[in-house]
Amino acid sequence: MYDEAAGYAAVGGGPPTEAFPGGCRTGTGHANSGLWIFTRAQARSESLVQTVRGKLKRMGFDLDALRDVRQAGCPE
């Protein structure tokens, strides 16, 4: 899913089909698995990330495996 105007995209390795306590995940291996949230701005907007996380949760994704990426120090 993405919203160009809001400046985000969420990319998964497929539909959430593997059941976990917090919801479902796309898979557990290297192929057909994974979930990422991308924002257009280099600086993290916590409110935007939380909005996207909420949408993913309502879609049934387990968000427990998501890890924050440190953005400080990235070249402009």
N, C-alpha and C. Protein backbone atom coordinates (compact mmCIF):
# COMPACT_ATOMS: atom_id res chain seq x y z
N MET A 1 0.84 -1.17 0.00
CA MET A 1 0.00 0.00 0.00
C MET A 1 0.88 1.23 0.00
N TYR A 2 0.37 2.32 -0.58
CA TYR A 2 1.12 3.56 -0.55
C TYR A 2 0.17 4.74 -0.67
N ASP A 3 0.66 5.87 -0.23
CA ASP A 3 -0.07 7.12 -0.37
C ASP A 3 0.97 8.16 -0.75
N GLU A 4 1.01 8.49 -2.01
CA GLU A 4 2.03 9.42 -2.50
C GLU A 4 1.89 10.79 -1.85
N ALA A 5 0.66 11.26 -1.69
CA ALA A 5 0.44 12.58 -1.09
C ALA A 5 0.91 12.61 0.37
N ALA A 6 0.66 11.55 1.12
CA ALA A 6 1.09 11.49 2.52
C ALA A 6 2.57 11.17 2.64
N GLY A 7 3.17 10.57 1.60
CA GLY A 7 4.61 10.31 1.60
C GLY A 7 5.04 9.02 2.26
N TYR A 8 4.26 7.95 2.06
CA TYR A 8 4.68 6.66 2.63
C TYR A 8 4.33 5.52 1.70
N ALA A 9 5.01 4.41 1.94
CA ALA A 9 4.70 3.15 1.28
C ALA A 9 4.98 2.03 2.27
N ALA A 10 4.18 0.99 2.22
CA ALA A 10 4.43 -0.22 2.99
C ALA A 10 4.53 -1.36 1.99
N VAL A 11 5.59 -2.12 2.11
CA VAL A 11 5.87 -3.19 1.15
C VAL A 11 6.02 -4.50 1.91
N GLY A 12 5.29 -5.51 1.49
CA GLY A 12 5.37 -6.82 2.10
C GLY A 12 5.77 -7.86 1.08
N GLY A 13 6.26 -8.99 1.57
CA GLY A 13 6.68 -10.08 0.71
C GLY A 13 5.51 -10.96 0.29
N GLY A 14 4.30 -10.46 0.39
CA GLY A 14 3.12 -11.22 0.02
C GLY A 14 2.01 -10.99 1.03
N PRO A 15 0.91 -11.68 0.87
CA PRO A 15 -0.19 -11.50 1.82
C PRO A 15 0.16 -12.11 3.18
N PRO A 16 -0.39 -11.57 4.27
CA PRO A 16 -0.10 -12.10 5.60
C PRO A 16 -0.81 -13.44 5.81
N THR A 17 -0.05 -14.54 5.72
CA THR A 17 -0.66 -15.88 5.80
C THR A 17 -0.13 -16.74 6.93
N GLU A 18 1.01 -16.38 7.51
CA GLU A 18 1.61 -17.17 8.59
C GLU A 18 1.14 -16.62 9.93
N ALA A 19 0.38 -17.40 10.70
CA ALA A 19 -0.20 -16.92 11.96
C ALA A 19 0.83 -16.82 13.08
N PHE A 20 0.78 -15.70 13.80
CA PHE A 20 1.60 -15.43 14.98
C PHE A 20 0.68 -14.83 16.03
N PRO A 21 1.10 -14.78 17.30
CA PRO A 21 0.22 -14.24 18.33
C PRO A 21 -0.28 -12.82 18.05
N GLY A 22 0.54 -11.97 17.42
CA GLY A 22 0.16 -10.59 17.16
C GLY A 22 -0.58 -10.37 15.85
N GLY A 23 -0.82 -11.41 15.09
CA GLY A 23 -1.45 -11.29 13.78
C GLY A 23 -0.78 -12.24 12.81
N CYS A 24 -0.71 -11.85 11.56
CA CYS A 24 -0.10 -12.71 10.54
C CYS A 24 1.11 -12.04 9.92
N ARG A 25 2.02 -12.86 9.41
CA ARG A 25 3.21 -12.38 8.70
C ARG A 25 3.20 -12.96 7.30
N THR A 26 4.00 -12.36 6.44
CA THR A 26 4.04 -12.82 5.05
C THR A 26 4.78 -14.14 4.90
N GLY A 27 5.64 -14.47 5.80
CA GLY A 27 6.41 -15.70 5.74
C GLY A 27 7.51 -15.67 6.77
N THR A 28 8.31 -16.71 6.82
CA THR A 28 9.35 -16.79 7.84
C THR A 28 10.74 -16.98 7.26
N GLY A 29 10.87 -17.11 5.96
CA GLY A 29 12.17 -17.32 5.35
C GLY A 29 12.65 -16.09 4.61
N HIS A 30 13.58 -16.29 3.67
CA HIS A 30 14.12 -15.18 2.90
C HIS A 30 13.28 -14.86 1.68
N ALA A 31 12.56 -15.82 1.17
CA ALA A 31 11.70 -15.60 0.00
C ALA A 31 10.26 -15.44 0.44
N ASN A 32 9.53 -14.55 -0.21
CA ASN A 32 8.12 -14.32 0.07
C ASN A 32 7.88 -13.95 1.54
N SER A 33 8.75 -13.15 2.12
CA SER A 33 8.59 -12.73 3.51
C SER A 33 9.08 -11.30 3.65
N GLY A 34 8.80 -10.72 4.79
CA GLY A 34 9.28 -9.37 5.09
C GLY A 34 8.18 -8.34 5.04
N LEU A 35 8.39 -7.25 5.74
CA LEU A 35 7.47 -6.12 5.77
C LEU A 35 8.29 -4.87 6.07
N TRP A 36 8.11 -3.83 5.23
CA TRP A 36 8.87 -2.60 5.37
C TRP A 36 7.94 -1.40 5.28
N ILE A 37 8.27 -0.37 6.04
CA ILE A 37 7.59 0.91 5.94
C ILE A 37 8.63 1.92 5.46
N PHE A 38 8.30 2.60 4.37
CA PHE A 38 9.18 3.63 3.81
C PHE A 38 8.46 4.97 3.87
N THR A 39 9.20 6.02 4.19
CA THR A 39 8.64 7.36 4.13
C THR A 39 9.47 8.19 3.17
N ARG A 40 8.83 9.16 2.57
CA ARG A 40 9.52 9.99 1.57
C ARG A 40 10.55 10.89 2.23
N ALA A 41 10.22 11.45 3.38
CA ALA A 41 11.15 12.37 4.06
C ALA A 41 12.30 11.60 4.69
N GLN A 42 13.48 12.20 4.65
CA GLN A 42 14.64 11.55 5.24
C GLN A 42 14.51 11.48 6.76
N ALA A 43 13.99 12.54 7.36
CA ALA A 43 13.81 12.55 8.81
C ALA A 43 12.54 11.79 9.16
N ARG A 44 12.62 10.93 10.14
CA ARG A 44 11.49 10.10 10.54
C ARG A 44 10.36 10.94 11.13
N SER A 45 9.15 10.69 10.67
CA SER A 45 7.96 11.28 11.25
C SER A 45 7.27 10.17 12.05
N GLU A 46 7.39 10.24 13.37
CA GLU A 46 6.83 9.19 14.21
C GLU A 46 5.32 9.08 14.02
N SER A 47 4.64 10.20 13.85
CA SER A 47 3.19 10.14 13.66
C SER A 47 2.83 9.45 12.35
N LEU A 48 3.59 9.69 11.30
CA LEU A 48 3.32 9.02 10.02
C LEU A 48 3.59 7.52 10.13
N VAL A 49 4.69 7.15 10.76
CA VAL A 49 5.01 5.73 10.94
C VAL A 49 3.90 5.05 11.75
N GLN A 50 3.42 5.71 12.79
CA GLN A 50 2.35 5.11 13.60
C GLN A 50 1.05 4.99 12.81
N THR A 51 0.77 5.96 11.93
CA THR A 51 -0.41 5.87 11.06
C THR A 51 -0.32 4.65 10.16
N VAL A 52 0.84 4.45 9.55
CA VAL A 52 1.03 3.31 8.65
C VAL A 52 0.96 2.01 9.44
N ARG A 53 1.58 1.98 10.60
CA ARG A 53 1.51 0.78 11.45
C ARG A 53 0.06 0.43 11.77
N GLY A 54 -0.75 1.43 12.08
CA GLY A 54 -2.17 1.20 12.37
C GLY A 54 -2.90 0.59 11.19
N LYS A 55 -2.61 1.09 10.00
CA LYS A 55 -3.25 0.55 8.79
C LYS A 55 -2.83 -0.90 8.57
N LEU A 56 -1.55 -1.19 8.77
CA LEU A 56 -1.07 -2.56 8.60
C LEU A 56 -1.69 -3.50 9.63
N LYS A 57 -1.81 -3.02 10.86
CA LYS A 57 -2.41 -3.84 11.92
C LYS A 57 -3.86 -4.17 11.56
N ARG A 58 -4.61 -3.16 11.06
CA ARG A 58 -6.00 -3.41 10.67
C ARG A 58 -6.10 -4.37 9.49
N MET A 59 -5.03 -4.47 8.70
CA MET A 59 -5.00 -5.42 7.58
C MET A 59 -4.64 -6.83 8.05
N GLY A 60 -4.27 -6.97 9.32
CA GLY A 60 -3.97 -8.29 9.87
C GLY A 60 -2.51 -8.61 10.02
N PHE A 61 -1.62 -7.67 9.73
CA PHE A 61 -0.19 -7.93 9.85
C PHE A 61 0.25 -7.94 11.31
N ASP A 62 1.15 -8.86 11.66
CA ASP A 62 1.82 -8.88 12.96
C ASP A 62 2.97 -7.90 12.88
N LEU A 63 2.98 -6.90 13.73
CA LEU A 63 4.00 -5.85 13.68
C LEU A 63 5.14 -6.10 14.66
N ASP A 64 5.10 -7.21 15.40
CA ASP A 64 6.12 -7.49 16.40
C ASP A 64 7.52 -7.65 15.80
N ALA A 65 7.61 -8.05 14.54
CA ALA A 65 8.92 -8.27 13.92
C ALA A 65 9.51 -7.00 13.32
N LEU A 66 8.73 -5.91 13.23
CA LEU A 66 9.25 -4.66 12.67
C LEU A 66 10.31 -4.08 13.59
N ARG A 67 11.39 -3.60 13.01
CA ARG A 67 12.48 -2.98 13.77
C ARG A 67 12.69 -1.57 13.23
N ASP A 68 12.87 -0.62 14.14
CA ASP A 68 13.16 0.75 13.72
C ASP A 68 14.56 0.83 13.16
N VAL A 69 14.73 1.68 12.16
CA VAL A 69 16.04 1.92 11.55
C VAL A 69 16.49 3.31 11.95
N ARG A 70 17.68 3.41 12.47
CA ARG A 70 18.23 4.72 12.89
C ARG A 70 18.51 5.54 11.64
N GLN A 71 17.96 6.74 11.58
CA GLN A 71 18.11 7.60 10.41
C GLN A 71 19.21 8.66 10.56
N ALA A 72 19.67 8.89 11.77
CA ALA A 72 20.67 9.92 12.00
C ALA A 72 21.97 9.59 11.28
N GLY A 73 22.61 10.62 10.75
CA GLY A 73 23.91 10.43 10.11
C GLY A 73 23.84 10.03 8.65
N CYS A 74 22.65 9.94 8.09
CA CYS A 74 22.53 9.60 6.67
C CYS A 74 22.89 10.81 5.83
N PRO A 75 23.62 10.62 4.75
CA PRO A 75 23.95 11.77 3.89
C PRO A 75 22.68 12.31 3.23
N GLU A 76 22.67 13.61 3.00
CA GLU A 76 21.49 14.22 2.38
C GLU A 76 21.52 14.09 0.88
